[in-house]
């Protein structure tokens, strides 16, 4: 079982590295008055993290409401 986890982790790391190498091109971002350029892979990772955090916040709020309504 441990070797399956190791192989899966290694495969995932290899895929992430390949993804990052293929998406190294700079993307220009314009937010209000700010302009900056970042690699596309970094932008995707940031947006993924923000979406994950927002999903966690909404699910925790829904869980708290369910717990309060059941009392």
N, C-alpha and C. Protein backbone atom coordinates (compact mmCIF):
# COMPACT_ATOMS: atom_id res chain seq x y z
N UNK A 1 0.82 -1.19 0.00
CA UNK A 1 0.00 0.00 0.00
C UNK A 1 0.87 1.25 0.00
N UNK A 2 1.97 1.20 0.73
CA UNK A 2 2.88 2.35 0.81
C UNK A 2 3.52 2.63 -0.54
N UNK A 3 3.83 1.57 -1.29
CA UNK A 3 4.46 1.78 -2.60
C UNK A 3 3.47 2.41 -3.58
N UNK A 4 2.20 2.11 -3.46
CA UNK A 4 1.19 2.72 -4.33
C UNK A 4 1.11 4.22 -4.06
N UNK A 5 1.16 4.61 -2.79
CA UNK A 5 1.14 6.03 -2.44
C UNK A 5 2.38 6.73 -2.96
N UNK A 6 3.52 6.08 -2.85
CA UNK A 6 4.77 6.66 -3.33
C UNK A 6 4.76 6.84 -4.84
N UNK A 7 4.29 5.84 -5.55
CA UNK A 7 4.23 5.91 -7.02
C UNK A 7 3.23 6.98 -7.45
N UNK A 8 2.10 7.04 -6.79
CA UNK A 8 1.10 8.06 -7.12
C UNK A 8 1.63 9.45 -6.85
N UNK A 9 2.30 9.63 -5.71
CA UNK A 9 2.88 10.94 -5.39
C UNK A 9 3.94 11.34 -6.40
N UNK A 10 4.78 10.41 -6.77
CA UNK A 10 5.83 10.70 -7.75
C UNK A 10 5.22 11.07 -9.11
N UNK A 11 4.20 10.33 -9.53
CA UNK A 11 3.54 10.63 -10.80
C UNK A 11 2.89 12.00 -10.77
N UNK A 12 2.27 12.35 -9.66
CA UNK A 12 1.63 13.66 -9.52
C UNK A 12 2.67 14.78 -9.56
N UNK A 13 3.78 14.59 -8.90
CA UNK A 13 4.86 15.59 -8.90
C UNK A 13 5.40 15.77 -10.32
N UNK A 14 5.59 14.67 -11.04
CA UNK A 14 6.08 14.75 -12.42
C UNK A 14 5.08 15.51 -13.29
N UNK A 15 3.80 15.24 -13.14
CA UNK A 15 2.78 15.95 -13.92
C UNK A 15 2.76 17.44 -13.60
N UNK A 16 2.91 17.80 -12.34
CA UNK A 16 2.94 19.22 -11.95
C UNK A 16 4.16 19.91 -12.55
N UNK A 17 5.30 19.26 -12.53
CA UNK A 17 6.52 19.84 -13.11
C UNK A 17 6.35 20.02 -14.62
N UNK A 18 5.81 19.03 -15.30
CA UNK A 18 5.57 19.14 -16.75
C UNK A 18 4.60 20.28 -17.04
N UNK A 19 3.54 20.38 -16.26
CA UNK A 19 2.57 21.47 -16.43
C UNK A 19 3.23 22.82 -16.25
N UNK A 20 4.05 22.97 -15.21
CA UNK A 20 4.72 24.24 -14.95
C UNK A 20 5.68 24.61 -16.07
N UNK A 21 6.41 23.63 -16.59
CA UNK A 21 7.36 23.90 -17.67
C UNK A 21 6.62 24.32 -18.95
N UNK A 22 5.50 23.69 -19.24
CA UNK A 22 4.75 24.02 -20.45
C UNK A 22 4.03 25.36 -20.34
N UNK A 23 3.79 25.85 -19.14
CA UNK A 23 3.05 27.10 -18.95
C UNK A 23 3.92 28.17 -18.32
N UNK A 24 5.14 28.30 -18.81
CA UNK A 24 6.08 29.26 -18.25
C UNK A 24 5.94 30.65 -18.88
N UNK A 25 5.16 30.77 -19.94
CA UNK A 25 4.99 32.05 -20.63
C UNK A 25 4.38 33.09 -19.68
N UNK A 26 4.84 34.33 -19.83
CA UNK A 26 4.34 35.40 -18.98
C UNK A 26 2.96 35.87 -19.46
N UNK A 27 2.11 36.17 -18.49
CA UNK A 27 0.78 36.67 -18.76
C UNK A 27 0.67 38.03 -18.08
N UNK A 28 0.18 39.03 -18.82
CA UNK A 28 0.03 40.36 -18.23
C UNK A 28 -1.33 40.47 -17.57
N UNK A 29 -1.33 40.88 -16.32
CA UNK A 29 -2.55 41.02 -15.54
C UNK A 29 -2.80 42.51 -15.30
N UNK A 30 -4.03 42.94 -15.51
CA UNK A 30 -4.40 44.32 -15.23
C UNK A 30 -5.53 44.31 -14.22
N UNK A 31 -5.24 44.82 -13.02
CA UNK A 31 -6.23 44.90 -11.95
C UNK A 31 -6.32 46.36 -11.54
N UNK A 32 -7.44 46.97 -11.84
CA UNK A 32 -7.66 48.40 -11.58
C UNK A 32 -6.51 49.21 -12.18
N UNK A 33 -5.66 49.79 -11.38
CA UNK A 33 -4.57 50.61 -11.89
C UNK A 33 -3.23 49.87 -11.93
N UNK A 34 -3.19 48.64 -11.47
CA UNK A 34 -1.94 47.88 -11.42
C UNK A 34 -1.80 47.01 -12.66
N UNK A 35 -0.60 46.96 -13.18
CA UNK A 35 -0.24 46.05 -14.28
C UNK A 35 0.97 45.25 -13.85
N UNK A 36 0.89 43.94 -13.98
CA UNK A 36 2.05 43.11 -13.67
C UNK A 36 2.00 41.84 -14.50
N UNK A 37 3.16 41.22 -14.66
CA UNK A 37 3.28 40.00 -15.45
C UNK A 37 3.75 38.87 -14.55
N UNK A 38 3.10 37.72 -14.68
CA UNK A 38 3.49 36.53 -13.93
C UNK A 38 3.39 35.33 -14.86
N UNK A 39 4.11 34.26 -14.56
CA UNK A 39 3.98 33.04 -15.38
C UNK A 39 2.56 32.47 -15.32
N UNK A 40 2.11 31.93 -16.41
CA UNK A 40 0.76 31.39 -16.50
C UNK A 40 0.52 30.28 -15.46
N UNK A 41 1.51 29.43 -15.23
CA UNK A 41 1.35 28.35 -14.25
C UNK A 41 1.13 28.91 -12.85
N UNK A 42 1.84 29.99 -12.52
CA UNK A 42 1.66 30.62 -11.20
C UNK A 42 0.27 31.22 -11.08
N UNK A 43 -0.21 31.86 -12.14
CA UNK A 43 -1.56 32.42 -12.13
C UNK A 43 -2.61 31.33 -11.92
N UNK A 44 -2.46 30.22 -12.62
CA UNK A 44 -3.41 29.11 -12.46
C UNK A 44 -3.35 28.56 -11.04
N UNK A 45 -2.16 28.43 -10.47
CA UNK A 45 -2.02 27.92 -9.11
C UNK A 45 -2.66 28.87 -8.10
N UNK A 46 -2.46 30.17 -8.29
CA UNK A 46 -3.06 31.16 -7.38
C UNK A 46 -4.57 31.11 -7.46
N UNK A 47 -5.11 31.07 -8.68
CA UNK A 47 -6.56 31.01 -8.84
C UNK A 47 -7.14 29.72 -8.28
N UNK A 48 -6.43 28.62 -8.44
CA UNK A 48 -6.87 27.36 -7.88
C UNK A 48 -6.91 27.42 -6.35
N UNK A 49 -5.89 28.02 -5.76
CA UNK A 49 -5.84 28.15 -4.30
C UNK A 49 -6.95 29.06 -3.79
N UNK A 50 -7.19 30.17 -4.49
CA UNK A 50 -8.27 31.08 -4.09
C UNK A 50 -9.62 30.38 -4.17
N UNK A 51 -9.85 29.65 -5.25
CA UNK A 51 -11.10 28.91 -5.39
C UNK A 51 -11.27 27.85 -4.32
N UNK A 52 -10.18 27.17 -3.97
CA UNK A 52 -10.22 26.15 -2.92
C UNK A 52 -10.58 26.79 -1.58
N UNK A 53 -9.97 27.92 -1.27
CA UNK A 53 -10.24 28.62 0.00
C UNK A 53 -11.68 29.10 0.04
N UNK A 54 -12.17 29.67 -1.06
CA UNK A 54 -13.57 30.12 -1.09
C UNK A 54 -14.52 28.94 -0.90
N UNK A 55 -14.21 27.81 -1.54
CA UNK A 55 -15.04 26.62 -1.35
C UNK A 55 -15.05 26.14 0.09
N UNK A 56 -13.87 26.16 0.73
CA UNK A 56 -13.82 25.77 2.14
C UNK A 56 -14.62 26.70 3.02
N UNK A 57 -14.54 28.00 2.76
CA UNK A 57 -15.29 28.97 3.56
C UNK A 57 -16.79 28.76 3.42
N UNK A 58 -17.26 28.60 2.18
CA UNK A 58 -18.69 28.39 1.98
C UNK A 58 -19.17 27.08 2.57
N UNK A 59 -18.37 26.03 2.46
CA UNK A 59 -18.80 24.75 3.03
C UNK A 59 -18.80 24.80 4.55
N UNK A 60 -17.85 25.52 5.15
CA UNK A 60 -17.85 25.63 6.61
C UNK A 60 -19.03 26.47 7.09
N UNK A 61 -19.38 27.51 6.34
CA UNK A 61 -20.55 28.30 6.71
C UNK A 61 -21.83 27.47 6.62
N UNK A 62 -21.95 26.68 5.57
CA UNK A 62 -23.12 25.83 5.41
C UNK A 62 -23.18 24.79 6.53
N UNK A 63 -22.02 24.24 6.90
CA UNK A 63 -21.98 23.25 7.97
C UNK A 63 -22.41 23.87 9.30
N UNK A 64 -21.95 25.09 9.58
CA UNK A 64 -22.33 25.76 10.82
C UNK A 64 -23.82 26.06 10.84
N UNK A 65 -24.37 26.46 9.71
CA UNK A 65 -25.82 26.73 9.65
C UNK A 65 -26.62 25.46 9.88
N UNK A 66 -26.16 24.33 9.31
CA UNK A 66 -26.85 23.06 9.51
C UNK A 66 -26.81 22.65 10.97
N UNK A 67 -25.67 22.86 11.63
CA UNK A 67 -25.54 22.49 13.03
C UNK A 67 -26.43 23.36 13.91
N UNK A 68 -26.50 24.64 13.60
CA UNK A 68 -27.33 25.56 14.38
C UNK A 68 -28.82 25.30 14.16
N UNK A 69 -29.22 24.92 12.96
CA UNK A 69 -30.62 24.64 12.66
C UNK A 69 -31.09 23.33 13.28
N UNK A 70 -30.18 22.40 13.51
CA UNK A 70 -30.58 21.10 14.04
C UNK A 70 -30.83 21.17 15.55
N UNK A 71 -30.41 22.23 16.20
CA UNK A 71 -30.60 22.34 17.66
C UNK A 71 -31.96 22.80 18.01
